[in-house]
Amino acid sequence: MSDDGVEIPHDRLPPATLRRLIEEFVSREGTDYGHGDYDMDGKVRQVMRQLERGEAAIAFDPRLQSATIVSKRR
């Protein structure tokens, strides 16, 4: 995480809140899911797996009072 953001463990969020955050993330333009077509549920499952494997994280910006999902791949 950057100095401006705080990592929030995905398992600390209520399931409904986590799902809404992931849905908002995957509905943005330019999000890449590789080859193939995915419906919303498929995209949510894919991001959830990335969070569970530690490949992605939830970053909270206290200054903006907003959260997003970021890649942890290097």
Protein backbone atom coordinates (compact mmCIF):
# COMPACT_ATOMS: atom_id res chain seq x y z
CA MET A 1 0.00 0.00 0.00
CA SER A 2 1.09 3.54 -0.56
CA ASP A 3 1.62 6.03 2.23
CA ASP A 4 -1.79 7.52 1.43
CA GLY A 5 -3.75 4.25 1.60
CA VAL A 6 -4.59 1.67 4.20
CA GLU A 7 -5.06 -1.98 3.28
CA ILE A 8 -8.35 -3.42 4.51
CA PRO A 9 -8.46 -7.24 4.78
CA HIS A 10 -11.31 -8.45 2.56
CA ASP A 11 -12.53 -10.85 5.25
CA ARG A 12 -13.11 -7.93 7.64
CA LEU A 13 -15.91 -6.50 5.47
CA PRO A 14 -19.50 -7.73 5.68
CA PRO A 15 -20.21 -9.99 2.66
CA ALA A 16 -22.79 -7.60 1.15
CA THR A 17 -20.41 -4.64 1.43
CA LEU A 18 -17.57 -6.63 -0.11
CA ARG A 19 -19.78 -7.70 -3.02
CA ARG A 20 -20.90 -4.11 -3.69
CA LEU A 21 -17.29 -2.93 -3.63
CA ILE A 22 -16.25 -5.65 -6.08
CA GLU A 23 -19.24 -4.96 -8.34
CA GLU A 24 -18.38 -1.26 -8.43
CA PHE A 25 -14.77 -2.15 -9.25
CA VAL A 26 -15.60 -4.56 -12.07
CA SER A 27 -18.16 -2.23 -13.64
CA ARG A 28 -15.52 0.43 -14.35
CA GLU A 29 -14.37 0.94 -17.90
CA GLY A 30 -11.02 -0.58 -18.79
CA THR A 31 -10.99 -3.41 -16.25
CA ASP A 32 -9.27 -6.36 -17.94
CA TYR A 33 -10.43 -9.93 -17.31
CA GLY A 34 -8.38 -11.60 -20.00
CA HIS A 35 -9.88 -13.54 -22.85
CA GLY A 36 -13.53 -14.48 -22.79
CA ASP A 37 -16.80 -12.93 -21.79
CA TYR A 38 -17.76 -12.84 -18.14
CA ASP A 39 -21.06 -11.85 -16.58
CA MET A 40 -21.11 -9.81 -13.36
CA ASP A 41 -21.13 -12.92 -11.14
CA GLY A 42 -18.14 -14.36 -13.00
CA LYS A 43 -16.21 -11.12 -12.66
CA VAL A 44 -17.05 -10.90 -8.94
CA ARG A 45 -15.87 -14.49 -8.40
CA GLN A 46 -12.63 -13.80 -10.26
CA VAL A 47 -11.83 -10.70 -8.18
CA MET A 48 -12.79 -12.53 -4.98
CA ARG A 49 -10.30 -15.30 -5.82
CA GLN A 50 -7.61 -12.68 -6.39
CA LEU A 51 -8.36 -11.16 -2.98
CA GLU A 52 -8.27 -14.60 -1.32
CA ARG A 53 -4.92 -15.47 -2.97
CA GLY A 54 -3.40 -12.12 -2.01
CA GLU A 55 -3.02 -11.04 -5.65
CA ALA A 56 -5.29 -8.05 -5.02
CA ALA A 57 -6.13 -5.94 -1.99
CA ILE A 58 -8.67 -3.43 -0.82
CA ALA A 59 -7.12 0.00 -0.41
CA PHE A 60 -8.88 2.66 1.65
CA ASP A 61 -7.90 6.30 1.17
CA PRO A 62 -8.74 8.10 4.44
CA ARG A 63 -8.31 11.52 2.86
CA LEU A 64 -10.90 10.79 0.15
CA GLN A 65 -12.95 8.42 2.32
CA SER A 66 -13.08 5.91 -0.53
CA ALA A 67 -11.99 2.35 -1.19
CA THR A 68 -10.88 0.52 -4.29
CA ILE A 69 -9.29 -2.76 -5.26
CA VAL A 70 -5.67 -2.75 -6.35
CA SER A 71 -3.39 -5.37 -7.84
CA LYS A 72 -0.56 -6.62 -5.64
CA ARG A 73 1.27 -8.26 -8.54
CA ARG A 74 4.77 -7.01 -9.08
